[in-house]
Amino acid sequence: MGTDTIGKPMKKAHNFTKSIAFFVWIVVITGGLWGYNTWLEKQVIKTEASLSTIKQSINEVQRDPQMQAYIALKQHANVLDDLSIQSHITKYIDHIDTLSAIYGVSLRKFAQSGNDIRVQAVIESDETGKASEKLTSFLRKYEQDSEALLKFWSISSVNGHQTLKLNIPFSLK
């Protein structure tokens, strides 16, 4: 280890230089962080101003009567769809009356819930054919009918022999 001119070890001078370098490094880092913080604060102010402008634009759009109608339509779409289906109820009843006349099947007690329709059918054997043949013919022909408004589900039970009584479940096509 060397000595300086007074005879003190060089270690103290070296430590002093390290301390000064560390201090300068801390000052530089602090200045850099302060500058970065200042830049970030300016960016936050710009972003808040931009966000405020966007919020004002959104509020203006939402005040537009056409947009209010669109929002209401979107919020109530399910209810409107259900009402639309129910508004065609007379069309389905007329269709079922037409089926009765075409196929010799008496369709009664119409009930609708959403897209599901239940109809009570009564089919009687007479001079035009047996009740079971009329039912089979009706089910086959109607299922293939291109103008059919309804689609059959499976029929769970049929009661009777000369007069058949059954519930026919349909869904809307």
N, C-alpha and C. Protein backbone atom coordinates (compact mmCIF):
# COMPACT_ATOMS: atom_id res chain seq x y z
N MET A 1 0.84 -1.15 0.00
CA MET A 1 0.00 0.00 0.00
C MET A 1 0.89 1.22 0.00
N GLY A 2 0.51 2.17 -0.86
CA GLY A 2 1.35 3.36 -0.95
C GLY A 2 0.94 4.41 0.06
N THR A 3 1.81 5.43 0.20
CA THR A 3 1.51 6.52 1.12
C THR A 3 1.57 7.81 0.35
N ASP A 4 0.84 8.79 0.81
CA ASP A 4 0.93 10.09 0.15
C ASP A 4 2.10 10.86 0.76
N THR A 5 2.27 12.13 0.44
CA THR A 5 3.43 12.88 0.87
C THR A 5 3.48 13.10 2.36
N ILE A 6 2.36 13.03 3.03
CA ILE A 6 2.37 13.23 4.47
C ILE A 6 2.56 11.90 5.18
N GLY A 7 2.40 10.87 4.52
CA GLY A 7 2.60 9.57 5.11
C GLY A 7 1.32 8.85 5.49
N LYS A 8 0.15 9.34 5.03
CA LYS A 8 -1.11 8.66 5.34
C LYS A 8 -1.37 7.65 4.24
N PRO A 9 -2.04 6.63 4.59
CA PRO A 9 -2.33 5.62 3.55
C PRO A 9 -3.27 6.20 2.48
N MET A 10 -3.16 5.67 1.26
CA MET A 10 -3.94 6.11 0.11
C MET A 10 -5.41 5.62 0.20
N LYS A 11 -5.66 4.75 1.10
CA LYS A 11 -6.98 4.15 1.23
C LYS A 11 -8.03 5.22 1.53
N LYS A 12 -7.74 6.17 2.38
CA LYS A 12 -8.71 7.20 2.73
C LYS A 12 -9.06 8.06 1.51
N ALA A 13 -8.11 8.42 0.71
CA ALA A 13 -8.35 9.22 -0.48
C ALA A 13 -9.21 8.44 -1.48
N HIS A 14 -8.92 7.13 -1.57
CA HIS A 14 -9.68 6.28 -2.46
C HIS A 14 -11.15 6.19 -2.00
N ASN A 15 -11.38 6.06 -0.70
CA ASN A 15 -12.73 6.01 -0.15
C ASN A 15 -13.46 7.33 -0.38
N PHE A 16 -12.74 8.45 -0.26
CA PHE A 16 -13.34 9.74 -0.49
C PHE A 16 -13.79 9.86 -1.95
N THR A 17 -13.01 9.38 -2.88
CA THR A 17 -13.34 9.41 -4.31
C THR A 17 -14.57 8.54 -4.57
N LYS A 18 -14.63 7.38 -3.93
CA LYS A 18 -15.79 6.49 -4.09
C LYS A 18 -17.05 7.17 -3.55
N SER A 19 -16.92 7.85 -2.42
CA SER A 19 -18.08 8.54 -1.83
C SER A 19 -18.58 9.64 -2.75
N ILE A 20 -17.65 10.41 -3.31
CA ILE A 20 -18.04 11.49 -4.24
C ILE A 20 -18.71 10.89 -5.48
N ALA A 21 -18.14 9.81 -6.02
CA ALA A 21 -18.72 9.15 -7.20
C ALA A 21 -20.12 8.62 -6.88
N PHE A 22 -20.30 8.01 -5.71
CA PHE A 22 -21.60 7.49 -5.30
C PHE A 22 -22.61 8.63 -5.16
N PHE A 23 -22.16 9.75 -4.57
CA PHE A 23 -23.02 10.92 -4.40
C PHE A 23 -23.46 11.46 -5.77
N VAL A 24 -22.52 11.58 -6.67
CA VAL A 24 -22.83 12.07 -8.02
C VAL A 24 -23.82 11.11 -8.71
N TRP A 25 -23.58 9.81 -8.53
CA TRP A 25 -24.47 8.80 -9.13
C TRP A 25 -25.88 8.95 -8.55
N ILE A 26 -26.02 9.15 -7.25
CA ILE A 26 -27.31 9.33 -6.60
C ILE A 26 -27.99 10.59 -7.13
N VAL A 27 -27.23 11.69 -7.28
CA VAL A 27 -27.79 12.94 -7.79
C VAL A 27 -28.29 12.74 -9.23
N VAL A 28 -27.52 12.05 -10.04
CA VAL A 28 -27.92 11.79 -11.44
C VAL A 28 -29.19 10.93 -11.48
N ILE A 29 -29.23 9.87 -10.69
CA ILE A 29 -30.40 8.99 -10.64
C ILE A 29 -31.62 9.77 -10.16
N THR A 30 -31.44 10.58 -9.11
CA THR A 30 -32.55 11.38 -8.57
C THR A 30 -33.04 12.36 -9.64
N GLY A 31 -32.13 13.00 -10.32
CA GLY A 31 -32.51 13.94 -11.39
C GLY A 31 -33.25 13.20 -12.51
N GLY A 32 -32.76 12.03 -12.87
CA GLY A 32 -33.42 11.24 -13.91
C GLY A 32 -34.83 10.83 -13.49
N LEU A 33 -34.98 10.38 -12.25
CA LEU A 33 -36.29 9.98 -11.76
C LEU A 33 -37.23 11.18 -11.68
N TRP A 34 -36.71 12.32 -11.26
CA TRP A 34 -37.52 13.52 -11.21
C TRP A 34 -37.99 13.92 -12.61
N GLY A 35 -37.09 13.86 -13.57
CA GLY A 35 -37.44 14.18 -14.96
C GLY A 35 -38.47 13.20 -15.51
N TYR A 36 -38.30 11.91 -15.21
CA TYR A 36 -39.25 10.89 -15.67
C TYR A 36 -40.61 11.11 -15.03
N ASN A 37 -40.61 11.45 -13.74
CA ASN A 37 -41.87 11.72 -13.04
C ASN A 37 -42.57 12.93 -13.65
N THR A 38 -41.83 13.98 -13.97
CA THR A 38 -42.41 15.17 -14.59
C THR A 38 -43.02 14.81 -15.94
N TRP A 39 -42.31 14.03 -16.73
CA TRP A 39 -42.82 13.59 -18.04
C TRP A 39 -44.10 12.76 -17.87
N LEU A 40 -44.11 11.85 -16.88
CA LEU A 40 -45.30 11.02 -16.64
C LEU A 40 -46.49 11.88 -16.22
N GLU A 41 -46.26 12.88 -15.37
CA GLU A 41 -47.35 13.77 -14.95
C GLU A 41 -47.94 14.50 -16.14
N LYS A 42 -47.10 14.95 -17.08
CA LYS A 42 -47.59 15.62 -18.29
C LYS A 42 -48.41 14.64 -19.13
N GLN A 43 -47.95 13.39 -19.23
CA GLN A 43 -48.69 12.37 -19.99
C GLN A 43 -50.05 12.09 -19.35
N VAL A 44 -50.09 12.04 -18.02
CA VAL A 44 -51.35 11.82 -17.31
C VAL A 44 -52.31 12.98 -17.59
N ILE A 45 -51.82 14.20 -17.57
CA ILE A 45 -52.66 15.37 -17.85
C ILE A 45 -53.21 15.31 -19.27
N LYS A 46 -52.35 14.94 -20.24
CA LYS A 46 -52.80 14.82 -21.63
C LYS A 46 -53.85 13.72 -21.77
N THR A 47 -53.62 12.58 -21.10
CA THR A 47 -54.56 11.45 -21.17
C THR A 47 -55.89 11.81 -20.53
N GLU A 48 -55.85 12.52 -19.39
CA GLU A 48 -57.09 12.94 -18.74
C GLU A 48 -57.87 13.91 -19.63
N ALA A 49 -57.16 14.80 -20.31
CA ALA A 49 -57.83 15.74 -21.21
C ALA A 49 -58.46 14.99 -22.38
N SER A 50 -57.75 14.02 -22.91
CA SER A 50 -58.28 13.20 -24.01
C SER A 50 -59.49 12.40 -23.55
N LEU A 51 -59.41 11.83 -22.36
CA LEU A 51 -60.51 11.06 -21.79
C LEU A 51 -61.73 11.95 -21.58
N SER A 52 -61.52 13.14 -21.12
CA SER A 52 -62.62 14.07 -20.91
C SER A 52 -63.30 14.39 -22.24
N THR A 53 -62.52 14.60 -23.28
CA THR A 53 -63.07 14.87 -24.61
C THR A 53 -63.89 13.68 -25.11
N ILE A 54 -63.37 12.47 -24.89
CA ILE A 54 -64.08 11.26 -25.33
C ILE A 54 -65.39 11.11 -24.56
N LYS A 55 -65.36 11.37 -23.25
CA LYS A 55 -66.59 11.27 -22.45
C LYS A 55 -67.64 12.27 -22.93
N GLN A 56 -67.20 13.48 -23.29
CA GLN A 56 -68.13 14.48 -23.80
C GLN A 56 -68.74 14.01 -25.11
N SER A 57 -67.91 13.41 -25.96
CA SER A 57 -68.41 12.90 -27.24
C SER A 57 -69.43 11.79 -27.02
N ILE A 58 -69.14 10.90 -26.08
CA ILE A 58 -70.07 9.81 -25.76
C ILE A 58 -71.39 10.37 -25.25
N ASN A 59 -71.32 11.36 -24.37
CA ASN A 59 -72.54 11.98 -23.84
C ASN A 59 -73.36 12.64 -24.95
N GLU A 60 -72.69 13.27 -25.90
CA GLU A 60 -73.39 13.89 -27.03
C GLU A 60 -74.08 12.84 -27.89
N VAL A 61 -73.39 11.72 -28.12
CA VAL A 61 -73.97 10.64 -28.92
C VAL A 61 -75.16 10.03 -28.19
N GLN A 62 -75.04 9.86 -26.87
CA GLN A 62 -76.13 9.25 -26.11
C GLN A 62 -77.35 10.17 -26.03
N ARG A 63 -77.17 11.45 -26.19
CA ARG A 63 -78.30 12.39 -26.18
C ARG A 63 -79.03 12.40 -27.52
N ASP A 64 -78.43 11.84 -28.55
CA ASP A 64 -79.04 11.79 -29.87
C ASP A 64 -80.28 10.88 -29.82
N PRO A 65 -81.44 11.35 -30.27
CA PRO A 65 -82.66 10.55 -30.19
C PRO A 65 -82.55 9.19 -30.91
N GLN A 66 -81.85 9.15 -32.02
CA GLN A 66 -81.69 7.88 -32.74
C GLN A 66 -80.88 6.89 -31.90
N MET A 67 -79.86 7.39 -31.21
CA MET A 67 -79.05 6.51 -30.37
C MET A 67 -79.86 6.04 -29.16
N GLN A 68 -80.67 6.92 -28.61
CA GLN A 68 -81.51 6.52 -27.48
C GLN A 68 -82.49 5.43 -27.91
N ALA A 69 -83.02 5.54 -29.10
CA ALA A 69 -83.92 4.51 -29.62
C ALA A 69 -83.17 3.20 -29.82
N TYR A 70 -81.96 3.28 -30.34
CA TYR A 70 -81.15 2.08 -30.55
C TYR A 70 -80.84 1.39 -29.22
N ILE A 71 -80.47 2.17 -28.22
CA ILE A 71 -80.14 1.61 -26.90
C ILE A 71 -81.38 0.93 -26.30
N ALA A 72 -82.52 1.60 -26.39
CA ALA A 72 -83.76 1.02 -25.87
C ALA A 72 -84.10 -0.27 -26.61
N LEU A 73 -83.91 -0.27 -27.93
CA LEU A 73 -84.18 -1.47 -28.73
C LEU A 73 -83.27 -2.62 -28.30
N LYS A 74 -82.00 -2.36 -28.09
CA LYS A 74 -81.06 -3.39 -27.66
C LYS A 74 -81.42 -3.93 -26.27
N GLN A 75 -81.80 -3.03 -25.37
CA GLN A 75 -82.11 -3.44 -24.00
C GLN A 75 -83.37 -4.30 -23.94
N HIS A 76 -84.29 -4.07 -24.85
CA HIS A 76 -85.58 -4.76 -24.80
C HIS A 76 -85.78 -5.72 -25.98
N ALA A 77 -84.69 -6.16 -26.58
CA ALA A 77 -84.78 -7.02 -27.76
C ALA A 77 -85.53 -8.31 -27.47
N ASN A 78 -85.28 -8.94 -26.33
CA ASN A 78 -85.95 -10.20 -26.01
C ASN A 78 -87.46 -10.02 -25.89
N VAL A 79 -87.87 -8.96 -25.22
CA VAL A 79 -89.30 -8.68 -25.04
C VAL A 79 -89.94 -8.42 -26.40
N LEU A 80 -89.26 -7.65 -27.23
CA LEU A 80 -89.80 -7.35 -28.56
C LEU A 80 -89.90 -8.60 -29.42
N ASP A 81 -88.93 -9.50 -29.31
CA ASP A 81 -88.99 -10.76 -30.06
C ASP A 81 -90.19 -11.59 -29.61
N ASP A 82 -90.40 -11.67 -28.31
CA ASP A 82 -91.56 -12.42 -27.79
C ASP A 82 -92.87 -11.79 -28.28
N LEU A 83 -92.95 -10.48 -28.24
CA LEU A 83 -94.16 -9.81 -28.70
C LEU A 83 -94.37 -10.01 -30.19
N SER A 84 -93.30 -10.04 -30.94
CA SER A 84 -93.40 -10.28 -32.38
C SER A 84 -93.99 -11.65 -32.66
N ILE A 85 -93.50 -12.64 -31.93
CA ILE A 85 -94.02 -14.00 -32.10
C ILE A 85 -95.50 -14.04 -31.73
N GLN A 86 -95.84 -13.43 -30.62
CA GLN A 86 -97.23 -13.44 -30.16
C GLN A 86 -98.14 -12.65 -31.10
N SER A 87 -97.60 -11.68 -31.80
CA SER A 87 -98.43 -10.90 -32.71
C SER A 87 -98.87 -11.73 -33.91
N HIS A 88 -98.23 -12.85 -34.15
CA HIS A 88 -98.59 -13.73 -35.26
C HIS A 88 -99.53 -14.84 -34.82
N ILE A 89 -100.05 -14.74 -33.62
CA ILE A 89 -100.87 -15.82 -33.06
C ILE A 89 -102.08 -16.11 -33.93
N THR A 90 -102.71 -15.09 -34.48
CA THR A 90 -103.88 -15.33 -35.34
C THR A 90 -103.46 -16.05 -36.61
N LYS A 91 -102.29 -15.75 -37.10
CA LYS A 91 -101.77 -16.44 -38.29
C LYS A 91 -101.63 -17.93 -38.00
N TYR A 92 -101.12 -18.28 -36.81
CA TYR A 92 -100.94 -19.69 -36.46
C TYR A 92 -102.30 -20.37 -36.24
N ILE A 93 -103.23 -19.67 -35.64
CA ILE A 93 -104.56 -20.24 -35.43
C ILE A 93 -105.24 -20.48 -36.78
N ASP A 94 -105.15 -19.52 -37.69
CA ASP A 94 -105.72 -19.71 -39.04
C ASP A 94 -105.04 -20.90 -39.74
N HIS A 95 -103.75 -21.01 -39.57
CA HIS A 95 -103.00 -22.12 -40.18
C HIS A 95 -103.50 -23.46 -39.63
N ILE A 96 -103.71 -23.52 -38.33
CA ILE A 96 -104.19 -24.75 -37.69
C ILE A 96 -105.62 -25.06 -38.16
N ASP A 97 -106.47 -24.05 -38.34
CA ASP A 97 -107.82 -24.26 -38.88
C ASP A 97 -107.75 -24.83 -40.29
N THR A 98 -106.81 -24.33 -41.09
CA THR A 98 -106.62 -24.84 -42.45
C THR A 98 -106.19 -26.30 -42.42
N LEU A 99 -105.30 -26.63 -41.49
CA LEU A 99 -104.85 -28.03 -41.36
C LEU A 99 -106.03 -28.94 -41.02
N SER A 100 -106.89 -28.47 -40.15
CA SER A 100 -108.07 -29.27 -39.76
C SER A 100 -108.90 -29.61 -40.99
N ALA A 101 -109.10 -28.61 -41.85
CA ALA A 101 -109.91 -28.83 -43.04
C ALA A 101 -109.23 -29.74 -44.05
N ILE A 102 -107.94 -29.58 -44.24
CA ILE A 102 -107.21 -30.37 -45.23
C ILE A 102 -107.09 -31.83 -44.82
N TYR A 103 -106.73 -32.08 -43.59
CA TYR A 103 -106.39 -33.44 -43.16
C TYR A 103 -107.51 -34.14 -42.38
N GLY A 104 -108.63 -33.49 -42.18
CA GLY A 104 -109.73 -34.12 -41.45
C GLY A 104 -109.40 -34.37 -39.99
N VAL A 105 -108.57 -33.50 -39.43
CA VAL A 105 -108.14 -33.61 -38.05
C VAL A 105 -108.70 -32.40 -37.31
N SER A 106 -109.39 -32.64 -36.22
CA SER A 106 -109.94 -31.54 -35.44
C SER A 106 -108.88 -31.07 -34.45
N LEU A 107 -108.37 -29.88 -34.67
CA LEU A 107 -107.33 -29.32 -33.80
C LEU A 107 -107.96 -28.27 -32.89
N ARG A 108 -107.83 -28.50 -31.58
CA ARG A 108 -108.47 -27.63 -30.60
C ARG A 108 -107.46 -27.21 -29.53
N LYS A 109 -107.95 -26.37 -28.64
CA LYS A 109 -107.17 -25.94 -27.46
C LYS A 109 -105.74 -25.54 -27.83
N PHE A 110 -105.64 -24.50 -28.56
CA PHE A 110 -104.36 -23.93 -28.95
C PHE A 110 -103.72 -23.23 -27.75
N ALA A 111 -102.44 -23.52 -27.49
CA ALA A 111 -101.71 -22.84 -26.41
C ALA A 111 -100.31 -22.51 -26.90
N GLN A 112 -99.85 -21.31 -26.61
CA GLN A 112 -98.53 -20.88 -27.05
C GLN A 112 -97.73 -20.35 -25.89
N SER A 113 -96.45 -20.71 -25.88
CA SER A 113 -95.51 -20.19 -24.89
C SER A 113 -94.19 -19.98 -25.61
N GLY A 114 -93.87 -18.73 -25.93
CA GLY A 114 -92.65 -18.44 -26.68
C GLY A 114 -92.74 -19.06 -28.07
N ASN A 115 -91.78 -19.92 -28.42
CA ASN A 115 -91.77 -20.59 -29.71
C ASN A 115 -92.48 -21.94 -29.68
N ASP A 116 -93.01 -22.32 -28.55
CA ASP A 116 -93.66 -23.62 -28.39
C ASP A 116 -95.18 -23.47 -28.49
N ILE A 117 -95.78 -24.38 -29.25
CA ILE A 117 -97.23 -24.39 -29.42
C ILE A 117 -97.72 -25.80 -29.14
N ARG A 118 -98.82 -25.89 -28.39
CA ARG A 118 -99.46 -27.19 -28.13
C ARG A 118 -100.89 -27.11 -28.64
N VAL A 119 -101.29 -28.17 -29.32
CA VAL A 119 -102.63 -28.24 -29.87
C VAL A 119 -103.21 -29.60 -29.49
N GLN A 120 -104.44 -29.58 -29.00
CA GLN A 120 -105.12 -30.84 -28.73
C GLN A 120 -105.81 -31.27 -30.02
N ALA A 121 -105.56 -32.50 -30.43
CA ALA A 121 -106.14 -33.03 -31.67
C ALA A 121 -107.14 -34.12 -31.33
N VAL A 122 -108.21 -34.12 -32.07
CA VAL A 122 -109.22 -35.19 -31.98
C VAL A 122 -109.43 -35.68 -33.41
N ILE A 123 -109.21 -36.99 -33.60
CA ILE A 123 -109.34 -37.58 -34.93
C ILE A 123 -110.34 -38.73 -34.83
N GLU A 124 -111.37 -38.67 -35.66
CA GLU A 124 -112.42 -39.69 -35.60
C GLU A 124 -112.40 -40.54 -36.85
N SER A 125 -112.66 -41.82 -36.65
CA SER A 125 -112.84 -42.72 -37.79
C SER A 125 -114.19 -42.41 -38.42
N ASP A 126 -114.23 -42.33 -39.73
CA ASP A 126 -115.49 -42.11 -40.45
C ASP A 126 -115.34 -42.68 -41.86
N GLU A 127 -116.23 -42.25 -42.77
CA GLU A 127 -116.20 -42.79 -44.13
C GLU A 127 -114.94 -42.40 -44.89
N THR A 128 -114.21 -41.36 -44.43
CA THR A 128 -112.98 -40.95 -45.13
C THR A 128 -111.77 -41.75 -44.68
N GLY A 129 -111.90 -42.54 -43.62
CA GLY A 129 -110.79 -43.39 -43.19
C GLY A 129 -110.75 -43.60 -41.70
N LYS A 130 -109.86 -44.50 -41.31
CA LYS A 130 -109.66 -44.79 -39.89
C LYS A 130 -108.90 -43.64 -39.24
N ALA A 131 -109.14 -43.44 -37.97
CA ALA A 131 -108.48 -42.36 -37.22
C ALA A 131 -106.97 -42.51 -37.25
N SER A 132 -106.46 -43.75 -37.08
CA SER A 132 -105.01 -43.96 -37.06
C SER A 132 -104.39 -43.64 -38.42
N GLU A 133 -105.11 -43.97 -39.52
CA GLU A 133 -104.59 -43.67 -40.87
C GLU A 133 -104.58 -42.16 -41.11
N LYS A 134 -105.63 -41.48 -40.64
CA LYS A 134 -105.67 -40.02 -40.78
C LYS A 134 -104.51 -39.36 -40.03
N LEU A 135 -104.26 -39.86 -38.83
CA LEU A 135 -103.16 -39.30 -38.02
C LEU A 135 -101.83 -39.52 -38.72
N THR A 136 -101.59 -40.74 -39.18
CA THR A 136 -100.34 -41.05 -39.87
C THR A 136 -100.18 -40.19 -41.12
N SER A 137 -101.25 -40.07 -41.90
CA SER A 137 -101.20 -39.26 -43.11
C SER A 137 -100.91 -37.80 -42.78
N PHE A 138 -101.60 -37.29 -41.78
CA PHE A 138 -101.40 -35.90 -41.36
C PHE A 138 -99.94 -35.65 -40.97
N LEU A 139 -99.40 -36.52 -40.12
CA LEU A 139 -98.03 -36.32 -39.63
C LEU A 139 -97.02 -36.39 -40.77
N ARG A 140 -97.19 -37.35 -41.67
CA ARG A 140 -96.23 -37.50 -42.78
C ARG A 140 -96.32 -36.33 -43.76
N LYS A 141 -97.52 -36.03 -44.19
CA LYS A 141 -97.69 -34.99 -45.21
C LYS A 141 -97.34 -33.60 -44.68
N TYR A 142 -97.74 -33.32 -43.47
CA TYR A 142 -97.47 -31.98 -42.94
C TYR A 142 -95.97 -31.76 -42.72
N GLU A 143 -95.30 -32.78 -42.29
CA GLU A 143 -93.86 -32.65 -42.06
C GLU A 143 -93.11 -32.34 -43.36
N GLN A 144 -93.63 -32.80 -44.49
CA GLN A 144 -92.97 -32.58 -45.79
C GLN A 144 -93.51 -31.33 -46.50
N ASP A 145 -94.53 -30.71 -45.94
CA ASP A 145 -95.15 -29.54 -46.56
C ASP A 145 -94.19 -28.35 -46.51
N SER A 146 -93.88 -27.78 -47.68
CA SER A 146 -92.94 -26.66 -47.73
C SER A 146 -93.54 -25.38 -47.15
N GLU A 147 -94.86 -25.30 -47.06
CA GLU A 147 -95.52 -24.12 -46.52
C GLU A 147 -95.87 -24.27 -45.04
N ALA A 148 -95.40 -25.33 -44.43
CA ALA A 148 -95.70 -25.58 -43.01
C ALA A 148 -95.06 -24.49 -42.15
N LEU A 149 -95.83 -23.95 -41.24
CA LEU A 149 -95.31 -22.92 -40.33
C LEU A 149 -94.76 -23.52 -39.04
N LEU A 150 -95.12 -24.77 -38.80
CA LEU A 150 -94.80 -25.40 -37.52
C LEU A 150 -93.98 -26.66 -37.75
N LYS A 151 -93.27 -27.04 -36.71
CA LYS A 151 -92.46 -28.25 -36.75
C LYS A 151 -92.89 -29.14 -35.58
N PHE A 152 -93.11 -30.42 -35.88
CA PHE A 152 -93.55 -31.36 -34.85
C PHE A 152 -92.45 -31.67 -33.87
N TRP A 153 -92.85 -31.93 -32.65
CA TRP A 153 -92.00 -32.60 -31.68
C TRP A 153 -92.51 -34.04 -31.64
N SER A 154 -92.01 -34.81 -30.76
CA SER A 154 -92.52 -36.17 -30.65
C SER A 154 -93.83 -36.16 -29.86
N ILE A 155 -94.74 -37.02 -30.27
CA ILE A 155 -96.03 -37.14 -29.60
C ILE A 155 -95.87 -38.23 -28.55
N SER A 156 -96.16 -37.89 -27.31
CA SER A 156 -95.89 -38.82 -26.22
C SER A 156 -96.97 -39.88 -26.03
N SER A 157 -98.23 -39.55 -26.30
CA SER A 157 -99.27 -40.56 -26.12
C SER A 157 -100.49 -40.24 -26.97
N VAL A 158 -101.21 -41.33 -27.35
CA VAL A 158 -102.45 -41.22 -28.11
C VAL A 158 -103.49 -42.06 -27.38
N ASN A 159 -104.65 -41.49 -27.13
CA ASN A 159 -105.72 -42.20 -26.42
C ASN A 159 -106.87 -42.48 -27.38
N GLY A 160 -107.44 -43.68 -27.28
CA GLY A 160 -108.63 -44.03 -28.04
C GLY A 160 -108.34 -44.98 -29.18
N HIS A 161 -109.46 -45.40 -29.83
CA HIS A 161 -109.33 -46.32 -30.96
C HIS A 161 -110.11 -45.76 -32.16
N GLN A 162 -111.40 -45.64 -32.03
CA GLN A 162 -112.22 -45.07 -33.10
C GLN A 162 -112.07 -43.54 -33.14
N THR A 163 -111.91 -42.96 -31.94
CA THR A 163 -111.66 -41.53 -31.82
C THR A 163 -110.35 -41.37 -31.06
N LEU A 164 -109.38 -40.75 -31.72
CA LEU A 164 -108.07 -40.56 -31.10
C LEU A 164 -108.00 -39.17 -30.51
N LYS A 165 -107.47 -39.09 -29.30
CA LYS A 165 -107.23 -37.79 -28.65
C LYS A 165 -105.75 -37.72 -28.31
N LEU A 166 -105.12 -36.64 -28.68
CA LEU A 166 -103.71 -36.48 -28.38
C LEU A 166 -103.34 -35.00 -28.35
N ASN A 167 -102.24 -34.73 -27.68
CA ASN A 167 -101.67 -33.38 -27.66
C ASN A 167 -100.50 -33.37 -28.62
N ILE A 168 -100.51 -32.45 -29.54
CA ILE A 168 -99.43 -32.36 -30.51
C ILE A 168 -98.58 -31.14 -30.17
N PRO A 169 -97.33 -31.37 -29.82
CA PRO A 169 -96.44 -30.24 -29.56
C PRO A 169 -95.73 -29.79 -30.85
N PHE A 170 -95.73 -28.49 -31.09
CA PHE A 170 -95.06 -27.91 -32.24
C PHE A 170 -94.04 -26.89 -31.75
N SER A 171 -93.17 -26.55 -32.65
CA SER A 171 -92.35 -25.35 -32.43
C SER A 171 -92.42 -24.54 -33.72
N LEU A 172 -92.17 -23.26 -33.62
CA LEU A 172 -92.22 -22.41 -34.81
C LEU A 172 -91.00 -22.66 -35.68
N LYS A 173 -91.19 -22.64 -36.97
CA LYS A 173 -90.05 -22.84 -37.88
C LYS A 173 -89.30 -21.56 -38.02
